[in-house]
Amino acid sequence: MKKVWEVIKKCLVWLGTIIAAVFAVLFIKEMPKQVRHDGGHYGHDDEKEDADEINRKAAEKRDEAIKRISDCDARTLAESYGPVCDAIAEGKERFRRRCSRTVN
């Protein structure tokens, strides 16, 4: 009888553990996603306003980048990237070596 009682206790412990885990997952799922620094919670209106402001700032930055790119020449733009500069230097060096072989 003792062994049966031990098996029943083990089953109940496992069942209790599973129920507690499911309850914890469901409880955490219902909690708000974000908490403000002042202790309040973000509502849908605040999230929408934040997203609108982020989109507005991104549009300004995008317009600024497009204007900057269109105002500068291609060589200046290409040379602002390190790998492009390295590729240009390597190409010039290969050209010099090729030219020096034909002259000799």
N, C-alpha and C. Protein backbone atom coordinates (compact mmCIF):
# COMPACT_ATOMS: atom_id res chain seq x y z
N MET A 1 0.82 -1.20 0.00
CA MET A 1 0.00 0.00 0.00
C MET A 1 0.86 1.26 0.00
N LYS A 2 2.04 1.16 0.71
CA LYS A 2 2.93 2.32 0.76
C LYS A 2 3.45 2.67 -0.63
N LYS A 3 3.79 1.66 -1.41
CA LYS A 3 4.32 1.91 -2.75
C LYS A 3 3.25 2.54 -3.64
N VAL A 4 2.03 2.11 -3.50
CA VAL A 4 0.93 2.70 -4.29
C VAL A 4 0.76 4.16 -3.90
N TRP A 5 0.81 4.43 -2.59
CA TRP A 5 0.67 5.81 -2.12
C TRP A 5 1.81 6.69 -2.62
N GLU A 6 3.05 6.16 -2.67
CA GLU A 6 4.19 6.91 -3.19
C GLU A 6 4.02 7.21 -4.67
N VAL A 7 3.53 6.25 -5.43
CA VAL A 7 3.31 6.45 -6.87
C VAL A 7 2.22 7.50 -7.08
N ILE A 8 1.17 7.46 -6.29
CA ILE A 8 0.08 8.45 -6.39
C ILE A 8 0.62 9.83 -6.05
N LYS A 9 1.47 9.95 -5.01
CA LYS A 9 2.04 11.25 -4.64
C LYS A 9 2.93 11.79 -5.77
N LYS A 10 3.75 10.91 -6.38
CA LYS A 10 4.59 11.36 -7.48
C LYS A 10 3.76 11.86 -8.64
N CYS A 11 2.69 11.14 -8.96
CA CYS A 11 1.81 11.57 -10.06
C CYS A 11 1.16 12.91 -9.75
N LEU A 12 0.71 13.09 -8.50
CA LEU A 12 0.09 14.36 -8.12
C LEU A 12 1.10 15.50 -8.15
N VAL A 13 2.35 15.24 -7.76
CA VAL A 13 3.39 16.27 -7.80
C VAL A 13 3.64 16.68 -9.25
N TRP A 14 3.76 15.69 -10.14
CA TRP A 14 3.97 16.02 -11.57
C TRP A 14 2.78 16.77 -12.14
N LEU A 15 1.58 16.35 -11.80
CA LEU A 15 0.37 17.02 -12.29
C LEU A 15 0.32 18.45 -11.75
N GLY A 16 0.66 18.65 -10.48
CA GLY A 16 0.70 19.99 -9.90
C GLY A 16 1.74 20.86 -10.57
N THR A 17 2.89 20.28 -10.89
CA THR A 17 3.95 21.04 -11.57
C THR A 17 3.49 21.49 -12.95
N ILE A 18 2.85 20.61 -13.67
CA ILE A 18 2.37 20.96 -15.01
C ILE A 18 1.30 22.04 -14.93
N ILE A 19 0.38 21.92 -13.99
CA ILE A 19 -0.67 22.93 -13.84
C ILE A 19 -0.07 24.28 -13.45
N ALA A 20 0.92 24.27 -12.56
CA ALA A 20 1.57 25.53 -12.16
C ALA A 20 2.30 26.17 -13.34
N ALA A 21 2.95 25.36 -14.17
CA ALA A 21 3.66 25.90 -15.34
C ALA A 21 2.68 26.51 -16.32
N VAL A 22 1.58 25.83 -16.59
CA VAL A 22 0.56 26.37 -17.51
C VAL A 22 -0.01 27.67 -16.95
N PHE A 23 -0.31 27.69 -15.67
CA PHE A 23 -0.85 28.90 -15.04
C PHE A 23 0.15 30.05 -15.16
N ALA A 24 1.44 29.77 -14.91
CA ALA A 24 2.46 30.82 -14.99
C ALA A 24 2.57 31.37 -16.41
N VAL A 25 2.54 30.50 -17.40
CA VAL A 25 2.62 30.96 -18.80
C VAL A 25 1.42 31.82 -19.14
N LEU A 26 0.23 31.38 -18.77
CA LEU A 26 -0.97 32.16 -19.08
C LEU A 26 -0.98 33.48 -18.32
N PHE A 27 -0.51 33.49 -17.08
CA PHE A 27 -0.48 34.71 -16.28
C PHE A 27 0.50 35.72 -16.87
N ILE A 28 1.69 35.26 -17.26
CA ILE A 28 2.69 36.15 -17.84
C ILE A 28 2.22 36.67 -19.19
N LYS A 29 1.52 35.85 -19.94
CA LYS A 29 1.03 36.25 -21.26
C LYS A 29 0.04 37.42 -21.15
N GLU A 30 -0.74 37.45 -20.08
CA GLU A 30 -1.74 38.50 -19.91
C GLU A 30 -1.16 39.81 -19.38
N MET A 31 0.07 39.79 -18.89
CA MET A 31 0.68 41.00 -18.37
C MET A 31 0.99 41.96 -19.51
N PRO A 32 1.03 43.28 -19.24
CA PRO A 32 1.36 44.24 -20.29
C PRO A 32 2.76 44.01 -20.82
N LYS A 33 2.95 44.33 -22.09
CA LYS A 33 4.22 44.08 -22.75
C LYS A 33 5.31 45.03 -22.29
N GLN A 34 4.99 46.31 -22.07
CA GLN A 34 6.00 47.30 -21.73
C GLN A 34 5.55 48.07 -20.50
N VAL A 35 6.52 48.46 -19.71
CA VAL A 35 6.25 49.29 -18.53
C VAL A 35 7.08 50.55 -18.67
N ARG A 36 6.41 51.72 -18.49
CA ARG A 36 7.15 52.97 -18.57
C ARG A 36 8.01 53.14 -17.34
N HIS A 37 8.98 54.06 -17.42
CA HIS A 37 9.88 54.29 -16.30
C HIS A 37 9.17 54.90 -15.10
N ASP A 38 8.06 55.59 -15.33
CA ASP A 38 7.34 56.18 -14.21
C ASP A 38 6.35 55.20 -13.58
N GLY A 39 6.38 53.94 -14.00
CA GLY A 39 5.54 52.92 -13.39
C GLY A 39 4.24 52.69 -14.12
N GLY A 40 3.86 53.56 -15.04
CA GLY A 40 2.63 53.38 -15.80
C GLY A 40 2.83 52.37 -16.91
N HIS A 41 1.74 52.03 -17.54
CA HIS A 41 1.80 51.07 -18.65
C HIS A 41 1.49 51.80 -19.94
N TYR A 42 2.11 51.33 -21.02
CA TYR A 42 1.80 51.90 -22.33
C TYR A 42 0.46 51.37 -22.80
N GLY A 43 -0.37 52.27 -23.27
CA GLY A 43 -1.63 51.85 -23.87
C GLY A 43 -1.48 51.83 -25.37
N HIS A 44 -2.55 51.51 -26.05
CA HIS A 44 -2.49 51.45 -27.51
C HIS A 44 -2.25 52.83 -28.11
N ASP A 45 -2.81 53.88 -27.50
CA ASP A 45 -2.63 55.23 -28.03
C ASP A 45 -1.17 55.66 -27.95
N ASP A 46 -0.54 55.39 -26.81
CA ASP A 46 0.86 55.76 -26.64
C ASP A 46 1.75 55.03 -27.64
N GLU A 47 1.48 53.74 -27.85
CA GLU A 47 2.26 52.96 -28.79
C GLU A 47 2.09 53.49 -30.21
N LYS A 48 0.87 53.90 -30.55
CA LYS A 48 0.61 54.42 -31.89
C LYS A 48 1.32 55.76 -32.08
N GLU A 49 1.29 56.62 -31.05
CA GLU A 49 1.97 57.91 -31.13
C GLU A 49 3.48 57.70 -31.25
N ASP A 50 4.03 56.75 -30.49
CA ASP A 50 5.46 56.47 -30.56
C ASP A 50 5.83 55.97 -31.95
N ALA A 51 5.04 55.08 -32.50
CA ALA A 51 5.31 54.54 -33.83
C ALA A 51 5.22 55.65 -34.88
N ASP A 52 4.24 56.54 -34.73
CA ASP A 52 4.11 57.65 -35.68
C ASP A 52 5.33 58.57 -35.61
N GLU A 53 5.79 58.84 -34.38
CA GLU A 53 6.96 59.71 -34.23
C GLU A 53 8.22 59.05 -34.80
N ILE A 54 8.37 57.76 -34.56
CA ILE A 54 9.52 57.03 -35.11
C ILE A 54 9.47 57.05 -36.63
N ASN A 55 8.30 56.83 -37.20
CA ASN A 55 8.16 56.86 -38.66
C ASN A 55 8.46 58.25 -39.22
N ARG A 56 8.03 59.29 -38.50
CA ARG A 56 8.29 60.66 -38.95
C ARG A 56 9.79 60.95 -38.94
N LYS A 57 10.46 60.57 -37.85
CA LYS A 57 11.91 60.79 -37.77
C LYS A 57 12.65 59.99 -38.84
N ALA A 58 12.21 58.77 -39.09
CA ALA A 58 12.85 57.94 -40.12
C ALA A 58 12.67 58.56 -41.49
N ALA A 59 11.49 59.12 -41.76
CA ALA A 59 11.24 59.77 -43.05
C ALA A 59 12.14 61.00 -43.21
N GLU A 60 12.32 61.77 -42.13
CA GLU A 60 13.21 62.94 -42.20
C GLU A 60 14.65 62.51 -42.49
N LYS A 61 15.12 61.48 -41.79
CA LYS A 61 16.48 60.99 -42.01
C LYS A 61 16.64 60.45 -43.43
N ARG A 62 15.63 59.75 -43.92
CA ARG A 62 15.69 59.21 -45.28
C ARG A 62 15.77 60.33 -46.30
N ASP A 63 14.93 61.36 -46.14
CA ASP A 63 14.96 62.50 -47.06
C ASP A 63 16.30 63.22 -47.01
N GLU A 64 16.85 63.36 -45.80
CA GLU A 64 18.15 64.01 -45.64
C GLU A 64 19.25 63.20 -46.35
N ALA A 65 19.21 61.88 -46.20
CA ALA A 65 20.22 61.02 -46.84
C ALA A 65 20.10 61.08 -48.36
N ILE A 66 18.88 61.07 -48.87
CA ILE A 66 18.67 61.16 -50.32
C ILE A 66 19.21 62.48 -50.86
N LYS A 67 18.95 63.56 -50.14
CA LYS A 67 19.44 64.87 -50.57
C LYS A 67 20.96 64.92 -50.54
N ARG A 68 21.57 64.38 -49.47
CA ARG A 68 23.02 64.37 -49.36
C ARG A 68 23.66 63.55 -50.49
N ILE A 69 23.08 62.41 -50.79
CA ILE A 69 23.63 61.56 -51.85
C ILE A 69 23.49 62.22 -53.21
N SER A 70 22.35 62.85 -53.45
CA SER A 70 22.14 63.47 -54.77
C SER A 70 23.01 64.72 -54.94
N ASP A 71 23.42 65.35 -53.83
CA ASP A 71 24.23 66.57 -53.93
C ASP A 71 25.72 66.30 -54.14
N CYS A 72 26.21 65.11 -53.80
CA CYS A 72 27.65 64.88 -53.93
C CYS A 72 27.93 64.03 -55.18
N ASP A 73 29.16 64.14 -55.68
CA ASP A 73 29.51 63.40 -56.89
C ASP A 73 29.81 61.95 -56.53
N ALA A 74 29.81 61.10 -57.56
CA ALA A 74 29.92 59.66 -57.35
C ALA A 74 31.27 59.28 -56.75
N ARG A 75 32.33 59.94 -57.18
CA ARG A 75 33.66 59.56 -56.68
C ARG A 75 33.79 59.86 -55.18
N THR A 76 33.32 61.03 -54.77
CA THR A 76 33.36 61.39 -53.35
C THR A 76 32.55 60.40 -52.53
N LEU A 77 31.39 60.04 -53.05
CA LEU A 77 30.53 59.10 -52.35
C LEU A 77 31.21 57.73 -52.26
N ALA A 78 31.79 57.27 -53.36
CA ALA A 78 32.43 55.95 -53.37
C ALA A 78 33.65 55.94 -52.46
N GLU A 79 34.41 57.03 -52.44
CA GLU A 79 35.61 57.06 -51.61
C GLU A 79 35.30 57.17 -50.13
N SER A 80 34.07 57.48 -49.78
CA SER A 80 33.71 57.55 -48.36
C SER A 80 33.59 56.15 -47.76
N TYR A 81 33.57 55.13 -48.60
CA TYR A 81 33.54 53.75 -48.12
C TYR A 81 34.92 53.15 -48.23
N GLY A 82 35.45 52.63 -47.14
CA GLY A 82 36.81 52.10 -47.08
C GLY A 82 37.11 51.02 -48.11
N PRO A 83 36.28 49.99 -48.24
CA PRO A 83 36.58 48.93 -49.20
C PRO A 83 36.63 49.44 -50.64
N VAL A 84 35.82 50.44 -50.96
CA VAL A 84 35.86 50.99 -52.31
C VAL A 84 37.19 51.68 -52.55
N CYS A 85 37.65 52.43 -51.56
CA CYS A 85 38.95 53.11 -51.66
C CYS A 85 40.07 52.09 -51.85
N ASP A 86 40.01 51.01 -51.08
CA ASP A 86 41.02 49.96 -51.19
C ASP A 86 41.00 49.33 -52.58
N ALA A 87 39.80 49.08 -53.11
CA ALA A 87 39.68 48.48 -54.43
C ALA A 87 40.24 49.41 -55.50
N ILE A 88 39.98 50.70 -55.36
CA ILE A 88 40.51 51.68 -56.33
C ILE A 88 42.04 51.69 -56.27
N ALA A 89 42.60 51.70 -55.07
CA ALA A 89 44.06 51.72 -54.92
C ALA A 89 44.68 50.45 -55.50
N GLU A 90 44.05 49.30 -55.25
CA GLU A 90 44.56 48.05 -55.80
C GLU A 90 44.50 48.05 -57.33
N GLY A 91 43.42 48.59 -57.88
CA GLY A 91 43.28 48.67 -59.33
C GLY A 91 44.35 49.56 -59.95
N LYS A 92 44.62 50.69 -59.29
CA LYS A 92 45.67 51.60 -59.79
C LYS A 92 47.03 50.91 -59.75
N GLU A 93 47.30 50.17 -58.67
CA GLU A 93 48.57 49.48 -58.55
C GLU A 93 48.71 48.39 -59.61
N ARG A 94 47.65 47.63 -59.86
CA ARG A 94 47.70 46.62 -60.93
C ARG A 94 47.94 47.27 -62.28
N PHE A 95 47.29 48.40 -62.52
CA PHE A 95 47.47 49.11 -63.80
C PHE A 95 48.92 49.58 -63.96
N ARG A 96 49.50 50.12 -62.88
CA ARG A 96 50.90 50.56 -62.93
C ARG A 96 51.85 49.39 -63.22
N ARG A 97 51.61 48.25 -62.56
CA ARG A 97 52.46 47.06 -62.80
C ARG A 97 52.32 46.59 -64.24
N ARG A 98 51.11 46.59 -64.77
CA ARG A 98 50.89 46.15 -66.14
C ARG A 98 51.57 47.09 -67.12
N CYS A 99 51.47 48.39 -66.85
CA CYS A 99 52.11 49.37 -67.74
C CYS A 99 53.63 49.27 -67.67
N SER A 100 54.17 49.00 -66.49
CA SER A 100 55.63 48.92 -66.37
C SER A 100 56.16 47.67 -67.10
N ARG A 101 55.40 46.62 -67.20
CA ARG A 101 55.85 45.43 -67.94
C ARG A 101 55.90 45.70 -69.43
N THR A 102 54.99 46.48 -69.96
CA THR A 102 54.96 46.74 -71.39
C THR A 102 56.05 47.72 -71.79
N VAL A 103 56.45 48.62 -70.90
CA VAL A 103 57.46 49.62 -71.22
C VAL A 103 58.84 48.94 -71.32
N ASN A 104 59.13 48.00 -70.46
CA ASN A 104 60.43 47.32 -70.43
C ASN A 104 60.52 46.42 -71.58
